[in-house]
Structures are given as C-alpha cells and as structure tokens.
N, C-alpha and C. Protein backbone atom coordinates (compact mmCIF):
# COMPACT_ATOMS: atom_id res chain seq x y z
N MET A 1 -8.32 14.15 -8.25
CA MET A 1 -9.39 13.91 -7.16
C MET A 1 -9.86 12.59 -7.70
N ASN A 2 -9.69 11.38 -7.82
CA ASN A 2 -10.52 9.95 -7.60
C ASN A 2 -11.39 9.96 -6.52
N ILE A 3 -12.94 10.53 -7.00
CA ILE A 3 -14.12 10.20 -5.81
C ILE A 3 -14.54 9.50 -6.25
N CYS A 4 -14.60 7.69 -5.55
CA CYS A 4 -16.00 7.06 -5.63
C CYS A 4 -17.24 6.43 -4.69
N ALA A 5 -18.18 6.30 -5.89
CA ALA A 5 -19.65 6.48 -4.83
C ALA A 5 -20.37 4.90 -4.44
N VAL A 6 -20.07 4.86 -4.24
CA VAL A 6 -20.77 3.42 -3.45
C VAL A 6 -21.82 3.84 -3.09
N ILE A 7 -23.60 3.22 -4.10
CA ILE A 7 -24.30 3.00 -4.08
C ILE A 7 -24.85 2.55 -3.03
N LEU A 8 -25.62 1.77 -2.08
CA LEU A 8 -25.65 0.85 -1.21
C LEU A 8 -27.42 -0.07 -1.47
N ALA A 9 -27.82 -1.10 -1.79
CA ALA A 9 -29.08 -1.43 -2.43
C ALA A 9 -28.76 -3.42 -1.93
N ARG A 10 -29.32 -3.22 -0.68
CA ARG A 10 -29.95 -5.13 -0.54
C ARG A 10 -31.40 -4.52 -0.65
N SER A 11 -31.52 -6.48 -1.12
CA SER A 11 -32.55 -6.47 -1.77
C SER A 11 -34.12 -7.32 -0.51
N GLY A 12 -33.01 -6.79 0.52
CA GLY A 12 -34.74 -7.57 2.29
C GLY A 12 -35.38 -5.65 2.04
N SER A 13 -35.72 -5.59 1.85
CA SER A 13 -35.85 -4.13 2.30
C SER A 13 -37.09 -4.81 3.06
N LYS A 14 -38.09 -4.58 4.49
CA LYS A 14 -39.36 -4.41 4.76
C LYS A 14 -40.66 -3.97 4.64
N SER A 15 -39.72 -2.65 4.79
CA SER A 15 -41.41 -1.55 4.66
C SER A 15 -41.94 -1.56 3.24
N ILE A 16 -41.10 -1.68 2.31
CA ILE A 16 -41.39 -2.05 0.96
C ILE A 16 -40.37 -2.94 -0.05
N PRO A 17 -41.64 -3.89 -0.34
CA PRO A 17 -40.85 -5.07 -0.30
C PRO A 17 -39.80 -4.92 -1.40
N LYS A 18 -38.38 -4.48 -2.65
CA LYS A 18 -38.03 -4.25 -3.55
C LYS A 18 -38.06 -3.26 -3.79
N LYS A 19 -38.12 -2.76 -2.87
CA LYS A 19 -38.09 -1.27 -3.43
C LYS A 19 -37.15 -0.15 -3.78
N ASN A 20 -35.91 -1.02 -5.20
CA ASN A 20 -34.69 -0.43 -5.55
C ASN A 20 -35.16 -0.80 -7.09
N ILE A 21 -36.26 -1.64 -6.95
CA ILE A 21 -36.41 -2.09 -8.12
C ILE A 21 -38.10 -2.15 -8.22
N LYS A 22 -38.51 -1.41 -7.99
CA LYS A 22 -39.55 -0.71 -8.05
C LYS A 22 -39.94 0.43 -9.04
N PRO A 23 -40.73 0.48 -10.05
CA PRO A 23 -41.01 1.99 -11.45
C PRO A 23 -40.74 3.12 -10.38
N LEU A 24 -40.47 3.67 -10.77
CA LEU A 24 -40.74 4.83 -10.42
C LEU A 24 -40.93 5.44 -12.15
N TYR A 25 -42.20 6.07 -12.36
CA TYR A 25 -41.93 7.28 -14.24
C TYR A 25 -41.64 6.37 -15.06
N GLY A 26 -42.12 4.57 -14.92
CA GLY A 26 -40.98 3.57 -15.97
C GLY A 26 -39.87 3.43 -15.35
N LYS A 27 -38.77 3.71 -14.43
CA LYS A 27 -37.85 3.30 -13.98
C LYS A 27 -37.54 2.67 -13.09
N PRO A 28 -36.62 2.01 -12.96
CA PRO A 28 -36.23 1.61 -11.73
C PRO A 28 -35.56 2.35 -10.72
N LEU A 29 -36.22 2.59 -9.52
CA LEU A 29 -35.99 3.47 -8.02
C LEU A 29 -33.79 3.77 -8.43
N ILE A 30 -33.44 2.57 -7.99
CA ILE A 30 -31.89 2.26 -8.12
C ILE A 30 -31.53 3.21 -8.97
N GLU A 31 -32.14 3.16 -9.99
CA GLU A 31 -31.40 3.93 -11.74
C GLU A 31 -31.18 5.70 -11.29
N TYR A 32 -32.57 5.99 -10.85
CA TYR A 32 -31.46 7.90 -10.72
C TYR A 32 -30.79 8.06 -10.42
N SER A 33 -30.63 7.00 -8.95
CA SER A 33 -28.86 7.32 -7.65
C SER A 33 -28.28 6.80 -8.65
N ILE A 34 -27.90 6.09 -10.20
CA ILE A 34 -26.98 5.88 -10.06
C ILE A 34 -26.74 6.57 -11.67
N LYS A 35 -27.64 6.97 -12.30
CA LYS A 35 -27.50 8.46 -13.34
C LYS A 35 -26.95 9.73 -12.55
N TYR A 36 -27.68 10.15 -11.31
CA TYR A 36 -27.18 10.96 -10.69
C TYR A 36 -25.48 10.50 -10.17
N SER A 37 -25.49 10.08 -10.13
CA SER A 37 -24.20 9.77 -9.62
C SER A 37 -22.86 9.44 -11.18
N LEU A 38 -23.27 9.36 -12.13
CA LEU A 38 -22.48 9.08 -13.40
C LEU A 38 -22.27 10.25 -14.45
N LYS A 39 -23.76 11.36 -14.05
CA LYS A 39 -23.39 12.35 -14.34
C LYS A 39 -22.86 13.61 -13.57
N CYS A 40 -21.82 13.81 -11.58
CA CYS A 40 -21.77 14.23 -11.57
C CYS A 40 -20.71 14.21 -12.00
N PRO A 41 -19.37 15.77 -12.16
CA PRO A 41 -18.56 15.47 -13.19
C PRO A 41 -17.07 14.85 -11.65
N LEU A 42 -17.10 15.41 -10.35
CA LEU A 42 -16.01 14.48 -9.43
C LEU A 42 -16.49 13.76 -9.03
N VAL A 43 -17.72 12.51 -9.76
CA VAL A 43 -17.02 10.74 -9.78
C VAL A 43 -16.79 9.69 -11.07
N ALA A 44 -15.22 9.34 -10.58
CA ALA A 44 -14.76 9.06 -11.12
C ALA A 44 -15.11 7.25 -10.59
N HIS A 45 -16.26 7.48 -10.34
CA HIS A 45 -16.69 5.37 -10.02
C HIS A 45 -17.64 5.27 -10.05
N THR A 46 -18.68 4.67 -9.77
CA THR A 46 -19.87 4.89 -9.21
C THR A 46 -19.79 2.83 -8.74
N ILE A 47 -19.89 2.56 -7.92
CA ILE A 47 -20.39 1.14 -7.07
C ILE A 47 -21.65 0.80 -6.48
N VAL A 48 -21.55 0.31 -7.33
CA VAL A 48 -23.21 -0.16 -6.36
C VAL A 48 -22.96 -1.65 -5.59
N SER A 49 -23.24 -1.96 -4.62
CA SER A 49 -23.41 -2.77 -3.90
C SER A 49 -24.55 -3.51 -3.33
N THR A 50 -24.57 -4.45 -3.49
CA THR A 50 -26.16 -5.41 -3.81
C THR A 50 -26.16 -7.19 -2.52
N ASP A 51 -26.77 -7.09 -2.85
CA ASP A 51 -26.87 -9.03 -3.01
C ASP A 51 -27.56 -9.53 -3.36
N SER A 52 -28.12 -9.07 -4.79
CA SER A 52 -29.00 -8.84 -5.46
C SER A 52 -28.65 -8.97 -7.05
N ASP A 53 -29.16 -10.82 -7.77
CA ASP A 53 -28.30 -10.30 -8.67
C ASP A 53 -29.58 -9.79 -10.07
N GLU A 54 -30.77 -9.33 -9.44
CA GLU A 54 -31.23 -8.19 -10.30
C GLU A 54 -31.08 -7.36 -10.47
N ILE A 55 -31.26 -6.93 -9.35
CA ILE A 55 -30.50 -5.29 -9.00
C ILE A 55 -28.87 -5.53 -9.45
N ALA A 56 -28.29 -5.82 -8.82
CA ALA A 56 -26.54 -6.26 -9.77
C ALA A 56 -26.38 -5.69 -11.63
N GLU A 57 -27.86 -6.31 -11.83
CA GLU A 57 -28.54 -6.67 -13.77
C GLU A 57 -29.03 -4.66 -13.52
N ILE A 58 -29.39 -4.56 -13.22
CA ILE A 58 -30.03 -3.26 -13.58
C ILE A 58 -29.07 -2.42 -12.94
N ALA A 59 -27.98 -2.36 -11.80
CA ALA A 59 -26.99 -1.36 -12.11
C ALA A 59 -25.51 -1.12 -13.32
N ARG A 60 -25.26 -2.28 -13.76
CA ARG A 60 -24.14 -3.03 -14.64
C ARG A 60 -24.56 -2.28 -16.06
N ASN A 61 -26.58 -2.55 -16.66
CA ASN A 61 -26.94 -1.78 -17.36
C ASN A 61 -27.17 -0.53 -17.22
N CYS A 62 -27.07 0.51 -17.16
CA CYS A 62 -26.99 1.76 -16.17
C CYS A 62 -25.49 2.90 -16.43
N GLY A 63 -24.30 1.96 -16.20
CA GLY A 63 -23.35 1.95 -16.54
C GLY A 63 -22.62 1.88 -14.89
N ALA A 64 -23.22 1.48 -14.15
CA ALA A 64 -22.77 1.63 -12.52
C ALA A 64 -21.49 0.07 -12.76
N GLU A 65 -20.30 -0.25 -11.66
CA GLU A 65 -19.83 -1.24 -12.05
C GLU A 65 -20.52 -1.71 -10.39
N VAL A 66 -20.40 -2.67 -10.80
CA VAL A 66 -20.62 -4.29 -9.50
C VAL A 66 -19.86 -5.65 -9.95
N PRO A 67 -18.31 -4.68 -8.74
CA PRO A 67 -17.15 -5.50 -9.19
C PRO A 67 -17.19 -7.09 -7.85
N PHE A 68 -19.01 -6.68 -7.53
CA PHE A 68 -18.65 -8.09 -6.26
C PHE A 68 -20.49 -7.83 -5.82
N MET A 69 -20.78 -8.75 -4.88
CA MET A 69 -21.94 -9.42 -4.92
C MET A 69 -21.83 -9.52 -3.45
N ARG A 70 -22.56 -8.00 -2.40
CA ARG A 70 -22.29 -7.89 -0.99
C ARG A 70 -23.23 -9.44 -0.20
N PRO A 71 -21.57 -10.62 1.09
CA PRO A 71 -21.89 -11.29 0.96
C PRO A 71 -23.47 -11.28 2.11
N GLY A 72 -23.51 -12.38 2.97
CA GLY A 72 -25.39 -11.92 3.60
C GLY A 72 -25.55 -11.26 5.08
N ASP A 73 -24.02 -11.52 5.29
CA ASP A 73 -24.09 -11.20 6.49
C ASP A 73 -23.33 -9.70 6.56
N LEU A 74 -23.17 -8.84 5.31
CA LEU A 74 -22.90 -7.72 5.24
C LEU A 74 -24.50 -7.08 4.67
N ALA A 75 -25.32 -7.69 3.81
CA ALA A 75 -26.99 -7.58 3.69
C ALA A 75 -28.16 -7.69 4.76
N GLN A 76 -27.31 -7.62 6.47
CA GLN A 76 -28.88 -7.71 7.71
C GLN A 76 -29.82 -6.48 7.68
N ASP A 77 -31.15 -6.76 8.63
CA ASP A 77 -31.54 -5.09 8.73
C ASP A 77 -31.07 -4.44 9.29
N ASP A 78 -29.92 -5.25 10.50
CA ASP A 78 -29.14 -4.84 11.38
C ASP A 78 -27.59 -4.35 10.92
N THR A 79 -27.17 -3.95 9.64
CA THR A 79 -25.93 -3.85 9.06
C THR A 79 -25.78 -2.69 9.19
N GLN A 80 -24.69 -2.59 9.84
CA GLN A 80 -24.60 -1.26 9.61
C GLN A 80 -23.30 -0.10 8.26
N ASP A 81 -23.63 0.75 8.06
CA ASP A 81 -23.06 0.74 6.77
C ASP A 81 -21.66 1.21 6.36
N TYR A 82 -21.35 1.32 8.05
CA TYR A 82 -19.32 1.48 8.03
C TYR A 82 -19.02 0.52 7.20
N PRO A 83 -19.32 -1.14 7.82
CA PRO A 83 -18.90 -2.07 6.95
C PRO A 83 -18.74 -2.54 6.09
N VAL A 84 -19.85 -2.26 5.28
CA VAL A 84 -20.48 -1.99 4.31
C VAL A 84 -20.07 -1.63 2.70
N PHE A 85 -19.01 0.41 3.15
CA PHE A 85 -18.02 0.44 2.53
C PHE A 85 -16.66 0.60 3.13
N SER A 86 -16.37 -0.49 3.86
CA SER A 86 -15.25 -1.24 3.97
C SER A 86 -14.82 -2.13 2.84
N TYR A 87 -16.20 -2.70 2.98
CA TYR A 87 -15.89 -3.92 2.29
C TYR A 87 -14.97 -3.90 0.67
N ALA A 88 -16.61 -2.66 0.33
CA ALA A 88 -16.43 -2.55 -0.95
C ALA A 88 -15.08 -1.53 -0.97
N LEU A 89 -14.92 -0.48 -0.53
CA LEU A 89 -13.76 -0.18 -0.60
C LEU A 89 -11.96 -1.06 -0.82
C-alpha cells in the first residue's frame, strides 16, 4: 500500500497569525504533524501543501516533501479542503 499524507498549512491564519510556525516547546507547531507522519510506518510520502516559503523551508528541513507552492486561490479563508487535496495529488 502506498499512502500519501498531505498536511495543509497556509500562511494566512486570522485567529492566530502564523500559527503553523509559532514555537511550541521550542519547535514550530507544524513540525509535530510532520514528524508524526514521517514516523508512521503506513505513510510512504509526507507532503506539505503551503503558500508560505517559510513553512516550506521548515517542512523540508523536517524531511517532508514540498513539491509545489500552493496557489493563492487555494489559500483563501473560504477555501475548502477538497480542492487543495485534489491539487496536491
């Protein structure tokens, strides 16, 4: 089985600005999701879908794949998850 985990992390959070890169116990919040995905024996690929260069750099440094930058029309407040997953896969 070839399972691909797709982690969605856009830069435009309104409630907590830049929440995905805020430190939690010394690590960016997104790092926890990436590390858990990478440790899962069922997951063959961990992809981060983001519109942020900073999040992309953190993701790559953690070992995740960032094969593309998410286009702006898929990084809006009202963007549904399904189109983002479809674009990623």
